[in-house]
PDB file of N, CA and C in Angstrom:
ATOM      1  N   MET A   1       0.831  -1.191   0.000  1.00  0.00           N
ATOM      2  CA  MET A   1       0.000   0.000   0.000  1.00  0.00           C
ATOM      3  C   MET A   1       0.865   1.240   0.000  1.00  0.00           C
ATOM      4  N   ASN A   2       0.327   2.278  -0.595  1.00  0.00           N
ATOM      5  CA  ASN A   2       1.089   3.512  -0.652  1.00  0.00           C
ATOM      6  C   ASN A   2       0.927   4.292   0.653  1.00  0.00           C
ATOM      7  N   LYS A   3       2.004   4.982   1.078  1.00  0.00           N
ATOM      8  CA  LYS A   3       2.031   5.681   2.369  1.00  0.00           C
ATOM      9  C   LYS A   3       0.975   6.773   2.463  1.00  0.00           C
ATOM     10  N   THR A   4       0.691   7.451   1.384  1.00  0.00           N
ATOM     11  CA  THR A   4      -0.320   8.510   1.404  1.00  0.00           C
ATOM     12  C   THR A   4      -1.696   7.923   1.711  1.00  0.00           C
ATOM     13  N   PHE A   5      -2.011   6.794   1.083  1.00  0.00           N
ATOM     14  CA  PHE A   5      -3.295   6.145   1.331  1.00  0.00           C
ATOM     15  C   PHE A   5      -3.416   5.739   2.800  1.00  0.00           C
ATOM     16  N   VAL A   6      -2.364   5.176   3.368  1.00  0.00           N
ATOM     17  CA  VAL A   6      -2.382   4.742   4.765  1.00  0.00           C
ATOM     18  C   VAL A   6      -2.574   5.946   5.682  1.00  0.00           C
ATOM     19  N   ARG A   7      -1.913   7.059   5.406  1.00  0.00           N
ATOM     20  CA  ARG A   7      -2.068   8.272   6.226  1.00  0.00           C
ATOM     21  C   ARG A   7      -3.484   8.827   6.139  1.00  0.00           C
ATOM     22  N   VAL A   8      -4.039   8.856   4.937  1.00  0.00           N
ATOM     23  CA  VAL A   8      -5.398   9.361   4.754  1.00  0.00           C
ATOM     24  C   VAL A   8      -6.386   8.448   5.481  1.00  0.00           C
ATOM     25  N   ALA A   9      -6.210   7.144   5.367  1.00  0.00           N
ATOM     26  CA  ALA A   9      -7.098   6.194   6.039  1.00  0.00           C
ATOM     27  C   ALA A   9      -7.001   6.345   7.557  1.00  0.00           C
ATOM     28  N   ALA A  10      -5.796   6.523   8.064  1.00  0.00           N
ATOM     29  CA  ALA A  10      -5.602   6.692   9.506  1.00  0.00           C
ATOM     30  C   ALA A  10      -6.258   7.986   9.982  1.00  0.00           C
ATOM     31  N   LEU A  11      -6.117   9.052   9.214  1.00  0.00           N
ATOM     32  CA  LEU A  11      -6.736  10.326   9.567  1.00  0.00           C
ATOM     33  C   LEU A  11      -8.254  10.206   9.540  1.00  0.00           C
ATOM     34  N   ALA A  12      -8.789   9.538   8.550  1.00  0.00           N
ATOM     35  CA  ALA A  12     -10.241   9.347   8.458  1.00  0.00           C
ATOM     36  C   ALA A  12     -10.756   8.545   9.652  1.00  0.00           C
ATOM     37  N   ALA A  13     -10.039   7.504  10.040  1.00  0.00           N
ATOM     38  CA  ALA A  13     -10.446   6.694  11.198  1.00  0.00           C
ATOM     39  C   ALA A  13     -10.410   7.533  12.467  1.00  0.00           C
ATOM     40  N   PHE A  14      -9.403   8.375  12.632  1.00  0.00           N
ATOM     41  CA  PHE A  14      -9.302   9.251  13.791  1.00  0.00           C
ATOM     42  C   PHE A  14     -10.480  10.211  13.850  1.00  0.00           C
ATOM     43  N   VAL A  15     -10.838  10.798  12.734  1.00  0.00           N
ATOM     44  CA  VAL A  15     -11.957  11.744  12.689  1.00  0.00           C
ATOM     45  C   VAL A  15     -13.261  11.045  13.061  1.00  0.00           C
ATOM     46  N   VAL A  16     -13.485   9.861  12.536  1.00  0.00           N
ATOM     47  CA  VAL A  16     -14.696   9.103  12.848  1.00  0.00           C
ATOM     48  C   VAL A  16     -14.731   8.762  14.330  1.00  0.00           C
ATOM     49  N   LEU A  17     -13.631   8.262  14.882  1.00  0.00           N
ATOM     50  CA  LEU A  17     -13.595   7.901  16.302  1.00  0.00           C
ATOM     51  C   LEU A  17     -13.748   9.124  17.191  1.00  0.00           C
ATOM     52  N   ALA A  18     -13.152  10.218  16.838  1.00  0.00           N
ATOM     53  CA  ALA A  18     -13.285  11.444  17.629  1.00  0.00           C
ATOM     54  C   ALA A  18     -14.730  11.920  17.629  1.00  0.00           C
ATOM     55  N   GLY A  19     -15.378  11.816  16.500  1.00  0.00           N
ATOM     56  CA  GLY A  19     -16.786  12.213  16.415  1.00  0.00           C
ATOM     57  C   GLY A  19     -17.664  11.326  17.264  1.00  0.00           C
ATOM     58  N   CYS A  20     -17.387  10.023  17.296  1.00  0.00           N
ATOM     59  CA  CYS A  20     -18.177   9.094  18.105  1.00  0.00           C
ATOM     60  C   CYS A  20     -17.953   9.349  19.586  1.00  0.00           C
ATOM     61  N   ALA A  21     -16.734   9.630  19.975  1.00  0.00           N
ATOM     62  CA  ALA A  21     -16.448   9.878  21.384  1.00  0.00           C
ATOM     63  C   ALA A  21     -17.171  11.111  21.871  1.00  0.00           C
ATOM     64  N   GLY A  22     -17.283  12.130  21.028  1.00  0.00           N
ATOM     65  CA  GLY A  22     -17.940  13.364  21.427  1.00  0.00           C
ATOM     66  C   GLY A  22     -19.441  13.217  21.569  1.00  0.00           C
ATOM     67  N   SER A  23     -20.034  12.206  20.962  1.00  0.00           N
ATOM     68  CA  SER A  23     -21.474  12.059  21.011  1.00  0.00           C
ATOM     69  C   SER A  23     -21.942  11.229  22.199  1.00  0.00           C
ATOM     70  N   SER A  24     -21.017  10.705  23.006  1.00  0.00           N
ATOM     71  CA  SER A  24     -21.413   9.843  24.114  1.00  0.00           C
ATOM     72  C   SER A  24     -21.874  10.622  25.336  1.00  0.00           C
ATOM     73  N   GLY A  25     -21.498  11.871  25.456  1.00  0.00           N
ATOM     74  CA  GLY A  25     -21.907  12.677  26.599  1.00  0.00           C
ATOM     75  C   GLY A  25     -23.297  13.242  26.409  1.00  0.00           C
ATOM     76  N   PRO A  26     -23.760  13.974  27.421  1.00  0.00           N
ATOM     77  CA  PRO A  26     -25.098  14.549  27.299  1.00  0.00           C
ATOM     78  C   PRO A  26     -25.169  15.594  26.197  1.00  0.00           C
ATOM     79  N   LYS A  27     -26.314  15.649  25.564  1.00  0.00           N
ATOM     80  CA  LYS A  27     -26.554  16.695  24.569  1.00  0.00           C
ATOM     81  C   LYS A  27     -26.942  17.938  25.342  1.00  0.00           C
ATOM     82  N   GLU A  28     -26.325  19.061  25.009  1.00  0.00           N
ATOM     83  CA  GLU A  28     -26.636  20.322  25.669  1.00  0.00           C
ATOM     84  C   GLU A  28     -27.230  21.294  24.666  1.00  0.00           C
ATOM     85  N   ILE A  29     -28.264  21.988  25.098  1.00  0.00           N
ATOM     86  CA  ILE A  29     -28.833  23.061  24.290  1.00  0.00           C
ATOM     87  C   ILE A  29     -28.870  24.302  25.159  1.00  0.00           C
ATOM     88  N   ARG A  30     -28.377  25.401  24.592  1.00  0.00           N
ATOM     89  CA  ARG A  30     -28.324  26.660  25.325  1.00  0.00           C
ATOM     90  C   ARG A  30     -29.518  27.550  24.974  1.00  0.00           C
ATOM     91  N   VAL A  31     -30.065  28.161  26.016  1.00  0.00           N
ATOM     92  CA  VAL A  31     -31.190  29.075  25.883  1.00  0.00           C
ATOM     93  C   VAL A  31     -30.821  30.351  26.621  1.00  0.00           C
ATOM     94  N   SER A  32     -31.138  31.498  26.036  1.00  0.00           N
ATOM     95  CA  SER A  32     -30.911  32.780  26.695  1.00  0.00           C
ATOM     96  C   SER A  32     -32.216  33.306  27.264  1.00  0.00           C
ATOM     97  N   ALA A  33     -32.144  33.851  28.470  1.00  0.00           N
ATOM     98  CA  ALA A  33     -33.291  34.532  29.069  1.00  0.00           C
ATOM     99  C   ALA A  33     -33.048  36.024  28.853  1.00  0.00           C
ATOM    100  N   THR A  34     -33.847  36.631  27.970  1.00  0.00           N
ATOM    101  CA  THR A  34     -33.632  38.013  27.555  1.00  0.00           C
ATOM    102  C   THR A  34     -34.861  38.861  27.874  1.00  0.00           C
ATOM    103  N   GLY A  35     -34.817  40.104  27.477  1.00  0.00           N
ATOM    104  CA  GLY A  35     -35.966  40.994  27.606  1.00  0.00           C
ATOM    105  C   GLY A  35     -37.120  40.571  26.718  1.00  0.00           C
ATOM    106  N   ASP A  36     -36.850  39.701  25.751  1.00  0.00           N
ATOM    107  CA  ASP A  36     -37.896  39.184  24.863  1.00  0.00           C
ATOM    108  C   ASP A  36     -38.360  37.788  25.275  1.00  0.00           C
ATOM    109  N   GLY A  37     -37.852  37.270  26.376  1.00  0.00           N
ATOM    110  CA  GLY A  37     -38.223  35.939  26.842  1.00  0.00           C
ATOM    111  C   GLY A  37     -37.100  34.945  26.652  1.00  0.00           C
ATOM    112  N   PHE A  38     -37.487  33.674  26.554  1.00  0.00           N
ATOM    113  CA  PHE A  38     -36.515  32.596  26.381  1.00  0.00           C
ATOM    114  C   PHE A  38     -36.235  32.405  24.891  1.00  0.00           C
ATOM    115  N   VAL A  39     -34.939  32.432  24.533  1.00  0.00           N
ATOM    116  CA  VAL A  39     -34.540  32.360  23.128  1.00  0.00           C
ATOM    117  C   VAL A  39     -33.487  31.262  22.966  1.00  0.00           C
ATOM    118  N   PRO A  40     -33.769  30.211  22.180  1.00  0.00           N
ATOM    119  CA  PRO A  40     -35.014  29.941  21.470  1.00  0.00           C
ATOM    120  C   PRO A  40     -36.098  29.497  22.451  1.00  0.00           C
ATOM    121  N   GLU A  41     -37.322  29.689  22.050  1.00  0.00           N
ATOM    122  CA  GLU A  41     -38.459  29.371  22.910  1.00  0.00           C
ATOM    123  C   GLU A  41     -38.736  27.867  22.961  1.00  0.00           C
ATOM    124  N   LYS A  42     -38.468  27.160  21.865  1.00  0.00           N
ATOM    125  CA  LYS A  42     -38.717  25.721  21.787  1.00  0.00           C
ATOM    126  C   LYS A  42     -37.451  24.998  21.372  1.00  0.00           C
ATOM    127  N   VAL A  43     -37.137  23.917  22.105  1.00  0.00           N
ATOM    128  CA  VAL A  43     -35.974  23.098  21.775  1.00  0.00           C
ATOM    129  C   VAL A  43     -36.372  21.619  21.816  1.00  0.00           C
ATOM    130  N   THR A  44     -35.578  20.789  21.151  1.00  0.00           N
ATOM    131  CA  THR A  44     -35.867  19.363  21.078  1.00  0.00           C
ATOM    132  C   THR A  44     -34.613  18.565  21.411  1.00  0.00           C
ATOM    133  N   PHE A  45     -34.794  17.524  22.225  1.00  0.00           N
ATOM    134  CA  PHE A  45     -33.725  16.588  22.557  1.00  0.00           C
ATOM    135  C   PHE A  45     -34.103  15.206  22.029  1.00  0.00           C
ATOM    136  N   PRO A  46     -33.104  14.400  21.657  1.00  0.00           N
ATOM    137  CA  PRO A  46     -33.408  13.034  21.229  1.00  0.00           C
ATOM    138  C   PRO A  46     -33.738  12.148  22.429  1.00  0.00           C
ATOM    139  N   LYS A  47     -34.698  11.287  22.264  1.00  0.00           N
ATOM    140  CA  LYS A  47     -35.108  10.347  23.305  1.00  0.00           C
ATOM    141  C   LYS A  47     -33.967   9.367  23.580  1.00  0.00           C
ATOM    142  N   GLY A  48     -33.744   9.087  24.863  1.00  0.00           N
ATOM    143  CA  GLY A  48     -32.773   8.074  25.247  1.00  0.00           C
ATOM    144  C   GLY A  48     -31.348   8.552  25.424  1.00  0.00           C
ATOM    145  N   ARG A  49     -31.055   9.792  25.128  1.00  0.00           N
ATOM    146  CA  ARG A  49     -29.700  10.325  25.290  1.00  0.00           C
ATOM    147  C   ARG A  49     -29.723  11.369  26.405  1.00  0.00           C
ATOM    148  N   PRO A  50     -28.761  11.348  27.324  1.00  0.00           N
ATOM    149  CA  PRO A  50     -28.751  12.332  28.397  1.00  0.00           C
ATOM    150  C   PRO A  50     -28.859  13.757  27.835  1.00  0.00           C
ATOM    151  N   ALA A  51     -29.663  14.584  28.516  1.00  0.00           N
ATOM    152  CA  ALA A  51     -29.939  15.933  28.010  1.00  0.00           C
ATOM    153  C   ALA A  51     -29.763  16.970  29.107  1.00  0.00           C
ATOM    154  N   VAL A  52     -29.180  18.097  28.725  1.00  0.00           N
ATOM    155  CA  VAL A  52     -29.000  19.206  29.654  1.00  0.00           C
ATOM    156  C   VAL A  52     -29.432  20.491  28.958  1.00  0.00           C
ATOM    157  N   LEU A  53     -30.386  21.174  29.578  1.00  0.00           N
ATOM    158  CA  LEU A  53     -30.801  22.495  29.120  1.00  0.00           C
ATOM    159  C   LEU A  53     -29.961  23.500  29.889  1.00  0.00           C
ATOM    160  N   VAL A  54     -29.273  24.387  29.185  1.00  0.00           N
ATOM    161  CA  VAL A  54     -28.410  25.374  29.818  1.00  0.00           C
ATOM    162  C   VAL A  54     -29.034  26.747  29.573  1.00  0.00           C
ATOM    163  N   ILE A  55     -29.543  27.360  30.649  1.00  0.00           N
ATOM    164  CA  ILE A  55     -30.195  28.665  30.520  1.00  0.00           C
ATOM    165  C   ILE A  55     -29.297  29.729  31.126  1.00  0.00           C
ATOM    166  N   LYS A  56     -29.113  30.812  30.380  1.00  0.00           N
ATOM    167  CA  LYS A  56     -28.300  31.930  30.855  1.00  0.00           C
ATOM    168  C   LYS A  56     -29.093  33.224  30.682  1.00  0.00           C
ATOM    169  N   ARG A  57     -29.328  33.909  31.814  1.00  0.00           N
ATOM    170  CA  ARG A  57     -30.008  35.213  31.735  1.00  0.00           C
ATOM    171  C   ARG A  57     -28.982  36.243  31.316  1.00  0.00           C
ATOM    172  N   THR A  58     -29.255  36.927  30.213  1.00  0.00           N
ATOM    173  CA  THR A  58     -28.283  37.854  29.640  1.00  0.00           C
ATOM    174  C   THR A  58     -28.654  39.319  29.819  1.00  0.00           C
ATOM    175  N   GLU A  59     -29.824  39.582  30.384  1.00  0.00           N
ATOM    176  CA  GLU A  59     -30.260  40.974  30.577  1.00  0.00           C
ATOM    177  C   GLU A  59     -30.808  41.173  31.978  1.00  0.00           C
ATOM    178  N   GLU A  60     -30.511  42.319  32.546  1.00  0.00           N
ATOM    179  CA  GLU A  60     -31.030  42.669  33.868  1.00  0.00           C
ATOM    180  C   GLU A  60     -32.532  42.934  33.800  1.00  0.00           C
ATOM    181  N   ALA A  61     -32.954  43.667  32.756  1.00  0.00           N
ATOM    182  CA  ALA A  61     -34.353  44.093  32.629  1.00  0.00           C
ATOM    183  C   ALA A  61     -35.191  43.015  31.941  1.00  0.00           C
ATOM    184  N   THR A  62     -35.489  41.955  32.694  1.00  0.00           N
ATOM    185  CA  THR A  62     -36.366  40.900  32.190  1.00  0.00           C
ATOM    186  C   THR A  62     -37.075  40.265  33.369  1.00  0.00           C
ATOM    187  N   CYS A  63     -38.245  39.795  33.109  1.00  0.00           N
ATOM    188  CA  CYS A  63     -38.996  39.084  34.154  1.00  0.00           C
ATOM    189  C   CYS A  63     -38.511  37.645  34.263  1.00  0.00           C
ATOM    190  N   ALA A  64     -37.717  37.190  33.310  1.00  0.00           N
ATOM    191  CA  ALA A  64     -37.229  35.808  33.290  1.00  0.00           C
ATOM    192  C   ALA A  64     -36.026  35.639  34.217  1.00  0.00           C
ATOM    193  N   THR A  65     -36.259  35.863  35.507  1.00  0.00           N
ATOM    194  CA  THR A  65     -35.196  35.686  36.500  1.00  0.00           C
ATOM    195  C   THR A  65     -35.249  34.301  37.130  1.00  0.00           C
ATOM    196  N   GLU A  66     -36.222  33.509  36.682  1.00  0.00           N
ATOM    197  CA  GLU A  66     -36.335  32.126  37.127  1.00  0.00           C
ATOM    198  C   GLU A  66     -37.061  31.330  36.054  1.00  0.00           C
ATOM    199  N   ALA A  67     -36.886  30.025  36.109  1.00  0.00           N
ATOM    200  CA  ALA A  67     -37.596  29.115  35.201  1.00  0.00           C
ATOM    201  C   ALA A  67     -38.322  28.100  36.063  1.00  0.00           C
ATOM    202  N   ILE A  68     -39.647  28.057  35.914  1.00  0.00           N
ATOM    203  CA  ILE A  68     -40.464  27.127  36.685  1.00  0.00           C
ATOM    204  C   ILE A  68     -41.041  26.101  35.714  1.00  0.00           C
ATOM    205  N   PHE A  69     -40.755  24.825  35.971  1.00  0.00           N
ATOM    206  CA  PHE A  69     -41.219  23.754  35.103  1.00  0.00           C
ATOM    207  C   PHE A  69     -42.601  23.293  35.555  1.00  0.00           C
ATOM    208  N   VAL A  70     -43.562  23.382  34.648  1.00  0.00           N
ATOM    209  CA  VAL A  70     -44.962  23.080  34.953  1.00  0.00           C
ATOM    210  C   VAL A  70     -45.140  21.633  35.419  1.00  0.00           C
ATOM    211  N   GLU A  71     -44.620  20.685  34.648  1.00  0.00           N
ATOM    212  CA  GLU A  71     -44.857  19.267  34.917  1.00  0.00           C
ATOM    213  C   GLU A  71     -44.216  18.783  36.219  1.00  0.00           C
ATOM    214  N   THR A  72     -43.085  19.343  36.581  1.00  0.00           N
ATOM    215  CA  THR A  72     -42.365  18.871  37.771  1.00  0.00           C
ATOM    216  C   THR A  72     -42.515  19.806  38.965  1.00  0.00           C
ATOM    217  N   GLY A  73     -42.866  21.071  38.700  1.00  0.00           N
ATOM    218  CA  GLY A  73     -42.944  22.056  39.768  1.00  0.00           C
ATOM    219  C   GLY A  73     -41.583  22.559  40.214  1.00  0.00           C
ATOM    220  N   LEU A  74     -40.527  22.097  39.563  1.00  0.00           N
ATOM    221  CA  LEU A  74     -39.180  22.529  39.941  1.00  0.00           C
ATOM    222  C   LEU A  74     -38.925  23.956  39.471  1.00  0.00           C
ATOM    223  N   LYS A  75     -38.244  24.723  40.320  1.00  0.00           N
ATOM    224  CA  LYS A  75     -37.946  26.125  40.040  1.00  0.00           C
ATOM    225  C   LYS A  75     -36.437  26.325  40.053  1.00  0.00           C
ATOM    226  N   TYR A  76     -35.947  27.036  39.045  1.00  0.00           N
ATOM    227  CA  TYR A  76     -34.523  27.310  38.929  1.00  0.00           C
ATOM    228  C   TYR A  76     -34.319  28.818  38.858  1.00  0.00           C
ATOM    229  N   ASP A  77     -33.560  29.372  39.814  1.00  0.00           N
ATOM    230  CA  ASP A  77     -33.209  30.784  39.755  1.00  0.00           C
ATOM    231  C   ASP A  77     -32.217  30.982  38.623  1.00  0.00           C
ATOM    232  N   LEU A  78     -32.342  32.122  37.933  1.00  0.00           N
ATOM    233  CA  LEU A  78     -31.472  32.439  36.800  1.00  0.00           C
ATOM    234  C   LEU A  78     -30.673  33.701  37.108  1.00  0.00           C
ATOM    235  N   PRO A  79     -29.546  33.559  37.815  1.00  0.00           N
ATOM    236  CA  PRO A  79     -28.718  34.729  38.109  1.00  0.00           C
ATOM    237  C   PRO A  79     -28.179  35.345  36.820  1.00  0.00           C
ATOM    238  N   LEU A  80     -28.013  36.644  36.808  1.00  0.00           N
ATOM    239  CA  LEU A  80     -27.527  37.371  35.633  1.00  0.00           C
ATOM    240  C   LEU A  80     -26.159  36.854  35.209  1.00  0.00           C
ATOM    241  N   ASN A  81     -26.031  36.550  33.918  1.00  0.00           N
ATOM    242  CA  ASN A  81     -24.779  36.128  33.277  1.00  0.00           C
ATOM    243  C   ASN A  81     -24.173  34.843  33.843  1.00  0.00           C
ATOM    244  N   GLU A  82     -25.012  33.970  34.406  1.00  0.00           N
ATOM    245  CA  GLU A  82     -24.534  32.673  34.880  1.00  0.00           C
ATOM    246  C   GLU A  82     -25.312  31.567  34.191  1.00  0.00           C
ATOM    247  N   GLU A  83     -24.616  30.526  33.777  1.00  0.00           N
ATOM    248  CA  GLU A  83     -25.283  29.389  33.155  1.00  0.00           C
ATOM    249  C   GLU A  83     -25.897  28.498  34.233  1.00  0.00           C
ATOM    250  N   VAL A  84     -27.151  28.161  34.051  1.00  0.00           N
ATOM    251  CA  VAL A  84     -27.841  27.239  34.949  1.00  0.00           C
ATOM    252  C   VAL A  84     -28.099  25.960  34.154  1.00  0.00           C
ATOM    253  N   ARG A  85     -27.558  24.855  34.641  1.00  0.00           N
ATOM    254  CA  ARG A  85     -27.637  23.575  33.934  1.00  0.00           C
ATOM    255  C   ARG A  85     -28.770  22.742  34.528  1.00  0.00           C
ATOM    256  N   ILE A  86     -29.689  22.329  33.663  1.00  0.00           N
ATOM    257  CA  ILE A  86     -30.860  21.575  34.090  1.00  0.00           C
ATOM    258  C   ILE A  86     -30.864  20.235  33.356  1.00  0.00           C
ATOM    259  N   SER A  87     -30.647  19.154  34.096  1.00  0.00           N
ATOM    260  CA  SER A  87     -30.691  17.820  33.506  1.00  0.00           C
ATOM    261  C   SER A  87     -32.141  17.399  33.345  1.00  0.00           C
ATOM    262  N   LEU A  88     -32.450  16.836  32.194  1.00  0.00           N
ATOM    263  CA  LEU A  88     -33.821  16.433  31.893  1.00  0.00           C
ATOM    264  C   LEU A  88     -33.883  14.941  31.587  1.00  0.00           C
ATOM    265  N   PRO A  89     -34.947  14.273  32.054  1.00  0.00           N
ATOM    266  CA  PRO A  89     -35.104  12.861  31.707  1.00  0.00           C
ATOM    267  C   PRO A  89     -35.504  12.718  30.243  1.00  0.00           C
ATOM    268  N   THR A  90     -34.923  11.731  29.589  1.00  0.00           N
ATOM    269  CA  THR A  90     -35.212  11.514  28.165  1.00  0.00           C
ATOM    270  C   THR A  90     -35.602  10.067  27.885  1.00  0.00           C
ATOM    271  N   ASP A  91     -36.047   9.354  28.908  1.00  0.00           N
ATOM    272  CA  ASP A  91     -36.380   7.947  28.729  1.00  0.00           C
ATOM    273  C   ASP A  91     -37.689   7.734  27.991  1.00  0.00           C
ATOM    274  N   GLN A  92     -38.513   8.783  27.885  1.00  0.00           N
ATOM    275  CA  GLN A  92     -39.753   8.670  27.119  1.00  0.00           C
ATOM    276  C   GLN A  92     -40.033   9.973  26.382  1.00  0.00           C
ATOM    277  N   ALA A  93     -40.814   9.880  25.331  1.00  0.00           N
ATOM    278  CA  ALA A  93     -41.200  11.065  24.573  1.00  0.00           C
ATOM    279  C   ALA A  93     -42.129  11.904  25.444  1.00  0.00           C
ATOM    280  N   VAL A  94     -41.793  13.162  25.608  1.00  0.00           N
ATOM    281  CA  VAL A  94     -42.550  14.053  26.497  1.00  0.00           C
ATOM    282  C   VAL A  94     -42.244  15.498  26.126  1.00  0.00           C
ATOM    283  N   THR A  95     -43.110  16.400  26.525  1.00  0.00           N
ATOM    284  CA  THR A  95     -42.837  17.831  26.375  1.00  0.00           C
ATOM    285  C   THR A  95     -42.891  18.466  27.751  1.00  0.00           C
ATOM    286  N   PHE A  96     -41.828  19.188  28.096  1.00  0.00           N
ATOM    287  CA  PHE A  96     -41.747  19.934  29.343  1.00  0.00           C
ATOM    288  C   PHE A  96     -42.020  21.407  29.035  1.00  0.00           C
ATOM    289  N   HIS A  97     -42.864  22.021  29.834  1.00  0.00           N
ATOM    290  CA  HIS A  97     -43.168  23.445  29.674  1.00  0.00           C
ATOM    291  C   HIS A  97     -42.576  24.194  30.869  1.00  0.00           C
ATOM    292  N   TYR A  98     -41.983  25.342  30.599  1.00  0.00           N
ATOM    293  CA  TYR A  98     -41.467  26.164  31.690  1.00  0.00           C
ATOM    294  C   TYR A  98     -41.788  27.620  31.410  1.00  0.00           C
ATOM    295  N   ALA A  99     -41.739  28.426  32.460  1.00  0.00           N
ATOM    296  CA  ALA A  99     -42.091  29.845  32.326  1.00  0.00           C
ATOM    297  C   ALA A  99     -41.379  30.643  33.404  1.00  0.00           C
ATOM    298  N   CYS A 100     -41.378  31.953  33.217  1.00  0.00           N
ATOM    299  CA  CYS A 100     -40.865  32.846  34.245  1.00  0.00           C
ATOM    300  C   CYS A 100     -41.870  32.864  35.403  1.00  0.00           C
ATOM    301  N   GLY A 101     -41.523  33.492  36.496  1.00  0.00           N
ATOM    302  CA  GLY A 101     -42.379  33.528  37.670  1.00  0.00           C
ATOM    303  C   GLY A 101     -43.734  34.174  37.442  1.00  0.00           C
ATOM    304  N   MET A 102     -43.815  35.104  36.501  1.00  0.00           N
ATOM    305  CA  MET A 102     -45.080  35.778  36.207  1.00  0.00           C
ATOM    306  C   MET A 102     -45.843  35.090  35.081  1.00  0.00           C
ATOM    307  N   ASN A 103     -45.290  34.004  34.550  1.00  0.00           N
ATOM    308  CA  ASN A 103     -45.897  33.235  33.465  1.00  0.00           C
ATOM    309  C   ASN A 103     -46.064  34.054  32.177  1.00  0.00           C
ATOM    310  N   MET A 104     -45.228  35.080  32.023  1.00  0.00           N
ATOM    311  CA  MET A 104     -45.264  35.912  30.806  1.00  0.00           C
ATOM    312  C   MET A 104     -44.410  35.302  29.696  1.00  0.00           C
ATOM    313  N   TYR A 105     -43.215  34.862  30.071  1.00  0.00           N
ATOM    314  CA  TYR A 105     -42.292  34.266  29.106  1.00  0.00           C
ATOM    315  C   TYR A 105     -42.304  32.757  29.304  1.00  0.00           C
ATOM    316  N   LYS A 106     -42.449  32.040  28.186  1.00  0.00           N
ATOM    317  CA  LYS A 106     -42.579  30.595  28.260  1.00  0.00           C
ATOM    318  C   LYS A 106     -41.584  29.911  27.339  1.00  0.00           C
ATOM    319  N   GLY A 107     -41.260  28.695  27.706  1.00  0.00           N
ATOM    320  CA  GLY A 107     -40.375  27.856  26.902  1.00  0.00           C
ATOM    321  C   GLY A 107     -40.899  26.446  26.884  1.00  0.00           C
ATOM    322  N   GLU A 108     -40.353  25.669  25.955  1.00  0.00           N
ATOM    323  CA  GLU A 108     -40.835  24.305  25.779  1.00  0.00           C
ATOM    324  C   GLU A 108     -39.658  23.415  25.389  1.00  0.00           C
ATOM    325  N   VAL A 109     -39.559  22.263  26.041  1.00  0.00           N
ATOM    326  CA  VAL A 109     -38.542  21.267  25.727  1.00  0.00           C
ATOM    327  C   VAL A 109     -39.267  19.987  25.323  1.00  0.00           C
ATOM    328  N   THR A 110     -39.019  19.532  24.109  1.00  0.00           N
ATOM    329  CA  THR A 110     -39.627  18.301  23.626  1.00  0.00           C
ATOM    330  C   THR A 110     -38.574  17.218  23.514  1.00  0.00           C
ATOM    331  N   VAL A 111     -38.927  16.047  24.021  1.00  0.00           N
ATOM    332  CA  VAL A 111     -38.060  14.865  23.895  1.00  0.00           C
ATOM    333  C   VAL A 111     -38.758  13.936  22.917  1.00  0.00           C
ATOM    334  N   LYS A 112     -38.065  13.624  21.801  1.00  0.00           N
ATOM    335  CA  LYS A 112     -38.666  12.696  20.834  1.00  0.00           C
ATOM    336  C   LYS A 112     -37.607  11.889  20.122  1.00  0.00           C
TER     337      LYS A 112
END
């Protein structure tokens, strides 16, 4: 075999393995809590893979200083400019709804 072919094949195998290793951890989706609400408002996670919703409040002037999950009743304070990591169950297809304390700004997480 020619050395160039062996190097290209080795590089391709490394890229494939590196990509597989990176997919074994939890899937994270970032959401910003802004003056316009939660951005993006709707996100989707794959069923069966660990999932983490990462919410960061980026503006002082917003009512979205907390996220309250309707289905679980869990409440997460959203300090300014800090990431809040929320692990979500993904063992079944479900939609989680959350909102700010005044229920003005809403978000939705779908597992499918």
